C-alpha atoms as a PDB file:
ATOM      1  CA  MET A   1      56.284  -2.508 -44.331  1.00  0.00           C
ATOM      2  CA  SER A   2      58.438   0.564 -44.937  1.00  0.00           C
ATOM      3  CA  ASP A   3      58.726   2.944 -41.947  1.00  0.00           C
ATOM      4  CA  LEU A   4      58.291   6.370 -42.748  1.00  0.00           C
ATOM      5  CA  PRO A   5      61.109   8.931 -42.212  1.00  0.00           C
ATOM      6  CA  THR A   6      60.797  11.395 -39.201  1.00  0.00           C
ATOM      7  CA  GLN A   7      60.907  14.313 -41.686  1.00  0.00           C
ATOM      8  CA  VAL A   8      60.377  14.868 -45.344  1.00  0.00           C
ATOM      9  CA  PRO A   9      61.267  18.218 -47.243  1.00  0.00           C
ATOM     10  CA  TRP A  10      58.175  19.705 -48.730  1.00  0.00           C
ATOM     11  CA  ARG A  11      59.725  19.932 -52.242  1.00  0.00           C
ATOM     12  CA  ARG A  12      60.145  16.005 -52.110  1.00  0.00           C
ATOM     13  CA  PHE A  13      56.438  15.470 -50.954  1.00  0.00           C
ATOM     14  CA  VAL A  14      55.334  17.897 -53.842  1.00  0.00           C
ATOM     15  CA  CYS A  15      57.428  15.851 -56.280  1.00  0.00           C
ATOM     16  CA  VAL A  16      55.631  12.444 -55.054  1.00  0.00           C
ATOM     17  CA  LEU A  17      52.353  14.526 -55.944  1.00  0.00           C
ATOM     18  CA  ARG A  18      53.632  15.259 -59.377  1.00  0.00           C
ATOM     19  CA  LYS A  19      54.474  11.538 -59.838  1.00  0.00           C
ATOM     20  CA  LEU A  20      50.794  10.732 -58.859  1.00  0.00           C
ATOM     21  CA  GLY A  21      49.626  13.127 -61.659  1.00  0.00           C
ATOM     22  CA  TYR A  22      48.590  16.094 -59.295  1.00  0.00           C
ATOM     23  CA  THR A  23      49.154  19.656 -60.460  1.00  0.00           C
ATOM     24  CA  ALA A  24      49.283  22.610 -57.997  1.00  0.00           C
ATOM     25  CA  GLN A  25      46.199  24.898 -57.961  1.00  0.00           C
ATOM     26  CA  LYS A  26      46.169  28.626 -57.168  1.00  0.00           C
ATOM     27  CA  THR A  27      45.007  29.378 -53.672  1.00  0.00           C
ATOM     28  CA  LYS A  28      44.908  32.399 -51.442  1.00  0.00           C
ATOM     29  CA  GLN A  29      44.655  30.556 -48.129  1.00  0.00           C
ATOM     30  CA  GLY A  30      47.895  31.212 -46.491  1.00  0.00           C
ATOM     31  CA  SER A  31      49.950  28.023 -46.390  1.00  0.00           C
ATOM     32  CA  ILE A  32      47.297  25.739 -47.609  1.00  0.00           C
ATOM     33  CA  ARG A  33      48.179  24.215 -50.970  1.00  0.00           C
ATOM     34  CA  SER A  34      45.684  22.403 -53.221  1.00  0.00           C
ATOM     35  CA  PHE A  35      46.454  19.814 -55.917  1.00  0.00           C
ATOM     36  CA  MET A  36      44.219  18.424 -58.514  1.00  0.00           C
ATOM     37  CA  ASN A  37      44.098  15.315 -60.464  1.00  0.00           C
ATOM     38  CA  PRO A  38      40.900  14.635 -62.393  1.00  0.00           C
ATOM     39  CA  GLY A  39      41.972  10.918 -63.108  1.00  0.00           C
ATOM     40  CA  ARG A  40      42.462   9.925 -59.485  1.00  0.00           C
ATOM     41  CA  ILE A  41      40.487   9.646 -56.342  1.00  0.00           C
ATOM     42  CA  PRO A  42      40.673  11.916 -54.461  1.00  0.00           C
ATOM     43  CA  ASN A  43      40.523  14.432 -57.286  1.00  0.00           C
ATOM     44  CA  VAL A  44      41.335  17.367 -55.161  1.00  0.00           C
ATOM     45  CA  VAL A  45      43.644  17.390 -51.994  1.00  0.00           C
ATOM     46  CA  SER A  46      44.633  20.176 -49.897  1.00  0.00           C
ATOM     47  CA  PHE A  47      47.694  20.172 -47.588  1.00  0.00           C
ATOM     48  CA  ARG A  48      49.489  22.836 -45.159  1.00  0.00           C
ATOM     49  CA  GLU A  49      52.872  23.626 -46.476  1.00  0.00           C
ATOM     50  CA  PRO A  50      55.180  23.981 -43.469  1.00  0.00           C
ATOM     51  CA  HIS A  51      56.985  27.256 -42.755  1.00  0.00           C
ATOM     52  CA  PRO A  52      60.181  28.011 -44.980  1.00  0.00           C
ATOM     53  CA  GLY A  53      62.820  25.941 -43.679  1.00  0.00           C
ATOM     54  CA  GLN A  54      60.699  23.376 -42.034  1.00  0.00           C
ATOM     55  CA  ASP A  55      59.871  19.754 -43.180  1.00  0.00           C
ATOM     56  CA  LEU A  56      56.699  17.680 -43.052  1.00  0.00           C
ATOM     57  CA  ARG A  57      56.987  15.697 -39.791  1.00  0.00           C
ATOM     58  CA  ARG A  58      55.926  12.047 -39.592  1.00  0.00           C
ATOM     59  CA  THR A  59      52.434  12.721 -38.035  1.00  0.00           C
ATOM     60  CA  SER A  60      51.392  15.187 -40.617  1.00  0.00           C
ATOM     61  CA  LEU A  61      52.921  12.695 -43.394  1.00  0.00           C
ATOM     62  CA  ARG A  62      50.721   9.852 -42.020  1.00  0.00           C
ATOM     63  CA  GLU A  63      47.651  12.120 -42.268  1.00  0.00           C
ATOM     64  CA  TYR A  64      48.458  13.289 -45.677  1.00  0.00           C
ATOM     65  CA  LEU A  65      48.967   9.821 -47.040  1.00  0.00           C
ATOM     66  CA  ARG A  66      45.612   8.711 -45.731  1.00  0.00           C
ATOM     67  CA  LYS A  67      44.009  11.552 -47.612  1.00  0.00           C
ATOM     68  CA  LEU A  68      46.047  10.395 -50.690  1.00  0.00           C
ATOM     69  CA  LEU A  69      44.708   6.829 -50.132  1.00  0.00           C
ATOM     70  CA  LEU A  70      48.480   5.861 -50.303  1.00  0.00           C
ATOM     71  CA  SER A  71      50.215   3.131 -48.069  1.00  0.00           C
ATOM     72  CA  PRO A  72      53.760   3.976 -46.515  1.00  0.00           C
ATOM     73  CA  ASP A  73      55.371   1.405 -48.933  1.00  0.00           C
ATOM     74  CA  GLU A  74      53.733   3.141 -51.996  1.00  0.00           C
ATOM     75  CA  PHE A  75      54.890   6.542 -50.833  1.00  0.00           C
ATOM     76  CA  MET A  76      58.519   5.350 -50.089  1.00  0.00           C
ATOM     77  CA  GLN A  77      58.809   3.884 -53.488  1.00  0.00           C
ATOM     78  CA  LEU A  78      57.568   7.195 -55.010  1.00  0.00           C
ATOM     79  CA  LEU A  79      59.942   9.104 -52.919  1.00  0.00           C
ATOM     80  CA  GLU A  80      63.114   7.352 -53.886  1.00  0.00           C
ATOM     81  CA  ALA A  81      63.490   9.125 -57.074  1.00  0.00           C
ATOM     82  CA  CYS A  82      62.471  12.548 -55.763  1.00  0.00           C
END
């Protein structure tokens, strides 16, 4: 099993979402970002974007992977090319 990195830049996390077919949706809820993919379960997911200059920490990343129904191994494979 791949161990998750301690931090992941937000832009790389969004790159993984795009690889999964998600597109960003317009929101007006501060740092909450929503993404939609009608062909995948879950269809709509929302995440809190870290403040500028900060990365996603491992604890948040684990929570976000649970929302996406992704294993750490699947995530790490998708992250490689981002």
